């Protein structure tokens, strides 16, 4: 049982296990206090509006000044005060399960803000539906990082209102731009707002350049190589005549989409590796564009009846390229609970030196920091039925399951029909069958 935080609690008196328990208890108490702030803020707005109405204030002025009072009480800017007020009114009136999760101590104010933001475009009925699906049961989002929570809420919003999502997406392409703002220590933030396929392609090209340079012995960090490559590619032509090249080298954009969405007009969103969910219409547009430019390759992934990808096995101690891609597409980001970092390493759940097989079921995608942390003494992990259980040195256990694939038609023994695409699509038929 977690230790309740108490005034005067001396960490020096606690064991390693008790320190972890006290940290968790403090986090839960913080969530409950944030829930109390939400309820107090919403109640303050009601009281002030009632007072204004009794004083004869015009309807459009009711509640004026509440955001400033909230900001002063929380020692924050008026802009932040307005955000807190808006979130409080939404949670109290429209998202009861999220507010209850905060009261129960397992949802922070920030994560509540993320869910509210991603469902803002939905009707009240649909928003409450997403609220119930994601936040009614703590097991639903246990171990999810912020990016995965945002992706799940966004994907569900795309499903519930696909036409509005597609319309907003197409309109947003006209807002692409590049901006520059100052950063500390005489640095700058250069930001480009691009359509998803272009942004992912640019980032993938820079990542590939960095990986090649690091493999060749470049001592710069990965981020430094990417930044230098970006500057060089944009500014080198100003000083020297660029060398002729045979043509652009295509960069893979991995789109995972169900056959129902791709071929039958379904509404389940697709998933772009390194980005997240995209509306079904956008996914079909990306495929159509790739087909028109002869840049599309189809790889069919087969699933079990439970919806999990069927694993592949290999005899190598390291993960082969195809199996590595399989793990990247399945896990999408670092498998450590609450970590959303990009996958940098593929690691054996049960180490290969301890007899663990090199397989999809015994593999997980990890960021560099998490992979190094799990090499520390006392860490262990097991894998069963797609769930990785990590045991910390204090004996605490956390579990993670890879995100679900886009839903499709019920499984049948007949392979998906791709005859309509075969004339213009190079097929890579990698049949992942169960052992």
Foldseek 3Di string as FASTA:
>chain_A
DADADDPPDDPVPDDPLNVVSPVLNVQLVQLQVLLVLLQVLQVVLVVQLVVCVVVPHDPVCRSPPSLVVQCVVVVHDSVVSVVSNVLSNCCVPQQVLQSVLSNRRNHHPVLSSLLCVLCVPDDSVLSNVLSCVQRNDCVNCFLPASVVSNQVSNQSNCQVPVVVQVVVLVVCQVVWDWDWDDDPPRDIDIDTDHRPVVVVFLVQVLQVQLVVCVVVPDPDDSVVSSVVVVCCVVCVVVPDPDDDDPDDDGGDWDKFDALCLQPVVHFRWIATQPHHTGTSVVVNVVVVVCLVVLNAEDEDFDDDQVQATAKDFDQDLAADPVNVVVQCVQQSAAQGGNDRHHFDGKAFLAHVVVPGTRMSQRIHTHHPVVVVVCVDPQWHWDGDPQKIWIAHNSRDIGIGHTDGGGDYDRDDPDDDDDVVSVVRYHYDYDDRDHD
